[in-house]
Amino acid sequence: MKNKFLALGLGGTIFATLCCFTPLLPIVLPALGLTGLLGVLYNDAVLLPILAGFLILTGYALWRQKQQK
């Protein structure tokens, strides 16, 4: 279970960071036909809390891994 939390946390952190700091969403969403979501998702008020949540999940997974050793 701990490895799943760590994998989800790291994967989500990397994805959210790419979406925050690079123009990944404006390229991917129109390619998928989801241009209408671009105004909602490509917003710092949405992406930064998602990034913070994944960072907290990663920290929790690392803390749990350290506690079990």
N, C-alpha and C. Protein backbone atom coordinates (compact mmCIF):
# COMPACT_ATOMS: atom_id res chain seq x y z
N MET A 1 0.82 -1.19 0.00
CA MET A 1 0.00 0.00 0.00
C MET A 1 0.86 1.26 0.00
N LYS A 2 1.97 1.23 0.73
CA LYS A 2 2.82 2.42 0.82
C LYS A 2 3.45 2.77 -0.52
N ASN A 3 3.79 1.76 -1.32
CA ASN A 3 4.37 2.03 -2.63
C ASN A 3 3.34 2.63 -3.58
N LYS A 4 2.08 2.27 -3.42
CA LYS A 4 1.03 2.84 -4.26
C LYS A 4 0.84 4.31 -3.94
N PHE A 5 0.86 4.66 -2.66
CA PHE A 5 0.74 6.06 -2.27
C PHE A 5 1.92 6.87 -2.81
N LEU A 6 3.10 6.31 -2.71
CA LEU A 6 4.30 7.02 -3.18
C LEU A 6 4.26 7.18 -4.70
N ALA A 7 3.87 6.15 -5.40
CA ALA A 7 3.80 6.22 -6.86
C ALA A 7 2.73 7.23 -7.30
N LEU A 8 1.58 7.20 -6.65
CA LEU A 8 0.52 8.14 -6.99
C LEU A 8 0.95 9.57 -6.67
N GLY A 9 1.57 9.76 -5.52
CA GLY A 9 2.02 11.08 -5.12
C GLY A 9 3.07 11.65 -6.05
N LEU A 10 4.06 10.85 -6.39
CA LEU A 10 5.12 11.32 -7.29
C LEU A 10 4.60 11.55 -8.70
N GLY A 11 3.78 10.64 -9.20
CA GLY A 11 3.23 10.81 -10.54
C GLY A 11 2.34 12.04 -10.62
N GLY A 12 1.50 12.23 -9.63
CA GLY A 12 0.63 13.40 -9.62
C GLY A 12 1.41 14.70 -9.47
N THR A 13 2.45 14.67 -8.65
CA THR A 13 3.29 15.86 -8.47
C THR A 13 3.98 16.24 -9.77
N ILE A 14 4.52 15.26 -10.46
CA ILE A 14 5.20 15.53 -11.73
C ILE A 14 4.21 16.04 -12.76
N PHE A 15 3.04 15.43 -12.85
CA PHE A 15 2.04 15.85 -13.82
C PHE A 15 1.53 17.27 -13.51
N ALA A 16 1.24 17.54 -12.24
CA ALA A 16 0.74 18.87 -11.86
C ALA A 16 1.82 19.93 -12.08
N THR A 17 3.07 19.59 -11.81
CA THR A 17 4.16 20.54 -12.06
C THR A 17 4.29 20.84 -13.55
N LEU A 18 4.20 19.83 -14.37
CA LEU A 18 4.26 20.05 -15.81
C LEU A 18 3.10 20.91 -16.30
N CYS A 19 1.93 20.70 -15.72
CA CYS A 19 0.77 21.49 -16.13
C CYS A 19 0.87 22.93 -15.62
N CYS A 20 1.48 23.13 -14.47
CA CYS A 20 1.60 24.48 -13.91
C CYS A 20 2.65 25.31 -14.64
N PHE A 21 3.79 24.72 -14.93
CA PHE A 21 4.94 25.50 -15.37
C PHE A 21 5.28 25.35 -16.85
N THR A 22 4.56 24.54 -17.56
CA THR A 22 4.77 24.41 -19.00
C THR A 22 3.41 24.49 -19.69
N PRO A 23 3.37 24.78 -20.96
CA PRO A 23 2.08 24.83 -21.66
C PRO A 23 1.60 23.44 -22.08
N LEU A 24 1.57 22.50 -21.14
CA LEU A 24 1.15 21.14 -21.46
C LEU A 24 -0.36 21.05 -21.71
N LEU A 25 -1.15 21.67 -20.84
CA LEU A 25 -2.60 21.59 -20.99
C LEU A 25 -3.11 22.25 -22.28
N PRO A 26 -2.61 23.44 -22.65
CA PRO A 26 -3.11 24.03 -23.91
C PRO A 26 -2.75 23.22 -25.15
N ILE A 27 -1.83 22.31 -25.04
CA ILE A 27 -1.47 21.45 -26.17
C ILE A 27 -2.28 20.16 -26.15
N VAL A 28 -2.41 19.56 -24.95
CA VAL A 28 -3.03 18.25 -24.84
C VAL A 28 -4.56 18.31 -24.92
N LEU A 29 -5.18 19.26 -24.22
CA LEU A 29 -6.65 19.30 -24.20
C LEU A 29 -7.27 19.51 -25.57
N PRO A 30 -6.80 20.46 -26.39
CA PRO A 30 -7.38 20.55 -27.74
C PRO A 30 -7.13 19.31 -28.59
N ALA A 31 -6.01 18.65 -28.37
CA ALA A 31 -5.73 17.43 -29.13
C ALA A 31 -6.72 16.33 -28.77
N LEU A 32 -7.23 16.35 -27.54
CA LEU A 32 -8.21 15.37 -27.10
C LEU A 32 -9.64 15.81 -27.35
N GLY A 33 -9.82 17.02 -27.87
CA GLY A 33 -11.15 17.53 -28.13
C GLY A 33 -11.81 18.11 -26.90
N LEU A 34 -11.04 18.49 -25.91
CA LEU A 34 -11.56 19.02 -24.66
C LEU A 34 -11.21 20.49 -24.48
N THR A 35 -11.35 21.26 -25.54
CA THR A 35 -10.98 22.67 -25.50
C THR A 35 -11.83 23.44 -24.51
N GLY A 36 -13.06 23.04 -24.29
CA GLY A 36 -13.95 23.73 -23.37
C GLY A 36 -13.47 23.68 -21.93
N LEU A 37 -12.69 22.68 -21.57
CA LEU A 37 -12.16 22.56 -20.21
C LEU A 37 -10.92 23.42 -19.99
N LEU A 38 -10.38 23.96 -21.04
CA LEU A 38 -9.13 24.71 -20.94
C LEU A 38 -9.26 25.94 -20.05
N GLY A 39 -10.36 26.66 -20.14
CA GLY A 39 -10.56 27.84 -19.31
C GLY A 39 -10.71 27.52 -17.84
N VAL A 40 -11.21 26.33 -17.53
CA VAL A 40 -11.42 25.93 -16.14
C VAL A 40 -10.15 25.33 -15.54
N LEU A 41 -9.51 24.46 -16.27
CA LEU A 41 -8.37 23.73 -15.72
C LEU A 41 -7.06 24.49 -15.78
N TYR A 42 -6.89 25.34 -16.78
CA TYR A 42 -5.62 26.07 -16.92
C TYR A 42 -5.70 27.36 -16.12
N ASN A 43 -5.80 27.18 -14.82
CA ASN A 43 -5.99 28.28 -13.89
C ASN A 43 -5.19 27.96 -12.64
N ASP A 44 -4.45 28.94 -12.14
CA ASP A 44 -3.63 28.69 -10.96
C ASP A 44 -4.48 28.38 -9.73
N ALA A 45 -5.71 28.85 -9.68
CA ALA A 45 -6.58 28.57 -8.55
C ALA A 45 -6.97 27.09 -8.52
N VAL A 46 -6.84 26.40 -9.61
CA VAL A 46 -7.14 24.96 -9.67
C VAL A 46 -5.86 24.14 -9.59
N LEU A 47 -4.84 24.51 -10.36
CA LEU A 47 -3.63 23.70 -10.46
C LEU A 47 -2.77 23.73 -9.19
N LEU A 48 -2.65 24.87 -8.55
CA LEU A 48 -1.80 24.95 -7.36
C LEU A 48 -2.33 24.14 -6.18
N PRO A 49 -3.64 24.13 -5.89
CA PRO A 49 -4.12 23.23 -4.83
C PRO A 49 -3.95 21.75 -5.18
N ILE A 50 -4.08 21.42 -6.45
CA ILE A 50 -3.85 20.02 -6.86
C ILE A 50 -2.38 19.66 -6.64
N LEU A 51 -1.48 20.56 -7.01
CA LEU A 51 -0.05 20.34 -6.78
C LEU A 51 0.24 20.20 -5.29
N ALA A 52 -0.35 21.05 -4.48
CA ALA A 52 -0.14 20.98 -3.02
C ALA A 52 -0.65 19.66 -2.46
N GLY A 53 -1.79 19.21 -2.93
CA GLY A 53 -2.34 17.94 -2.47
C GLY A 53 -1.44 16.76 -2.81
N PHE A 54 -0.90 16.74 -4.01
CA PHE A 54 0.00 15.66 -4.39
C PHE A 54 1.33 15.74 -3.63
N LEU A 55 1.80 16.94 -3.34
CA LEU A 55 3.02 17.08 -2.53
C LEU A 55 2.78 16.57 -1.10
N ILE A 56 1.61 16.85 -0.55
CA ILE A 56 1.28 16.34 0.79
C ILE A 56 1.18 14.83 0.76
N LEU A 57 0.56 14.26 -0.26
CA LEU A 57 0.46 12.81 -0.38
C LEU A 57 1.84 12.17 -0.50
N THR A 58 2.74 12.77 -1.26
CA THR A 58 4.10 12.25 -1.39
C THR A 58 4.83 12.32 -0.05
N GLY A 59 4.70 13.43 0.65
CA GLY A 59 5.32 13.55 1.97
C GLY A 59 4.78 12.54 2.95
N TYR A 60 3.48 12.31 2.93
CA TYR A 60 2.86 11.31 3.81
C TYR A 60 3.38 9.91 3.50
N ALA A 61 3.48 9.58 2.21
CA ALA A 61 3.97 8.25 1.83
C ALA A 61 5.41 8.06 2.26
N LEU A 62 6.24 9.10 2.11
CA LEU A 62 7.64 8.99 2.56
C LEU A 62 7.73 8.89 4.06
N TRP A 63 6.88 9.63 4.78
CA TRP A 63 6.87 9.56 6.24
C TRP A 63 6.45 8.18 6.73
N ARG A 64 5.40 7.60 6.10
CA ARG A 64 4.95 6.26 6.47
C ARG A 64 6.03 5.22 6.18
N GLN A 65 6.73 5.39 5.07
CA GLN A 65 7.79 4.46 4.71
C GLN A 65 8.92 4.52 5.74
N LYS A 66 9.24 5.71 6.20
CA LYS A 66 10.30 5.88 7.20
C LYS A 66 9.87 5.31 8.54
N GLN A 67 8.60 5.45 8.91
CA GLN A 67 8.10 4.96 10.19
C GLN A 67 8.07 3.44 10.24
N GLN A 68 7.88 2.77 9.13
CA GLN A 68 7.77 1.32 9.10
C GLN A 68 9.14 0.63 9.11
N LYS A 69 10.20 1.39 8.87
CA LYS A 69 11.53 0.78 8.86
C LYS A 69 12.12 0.75 10.23
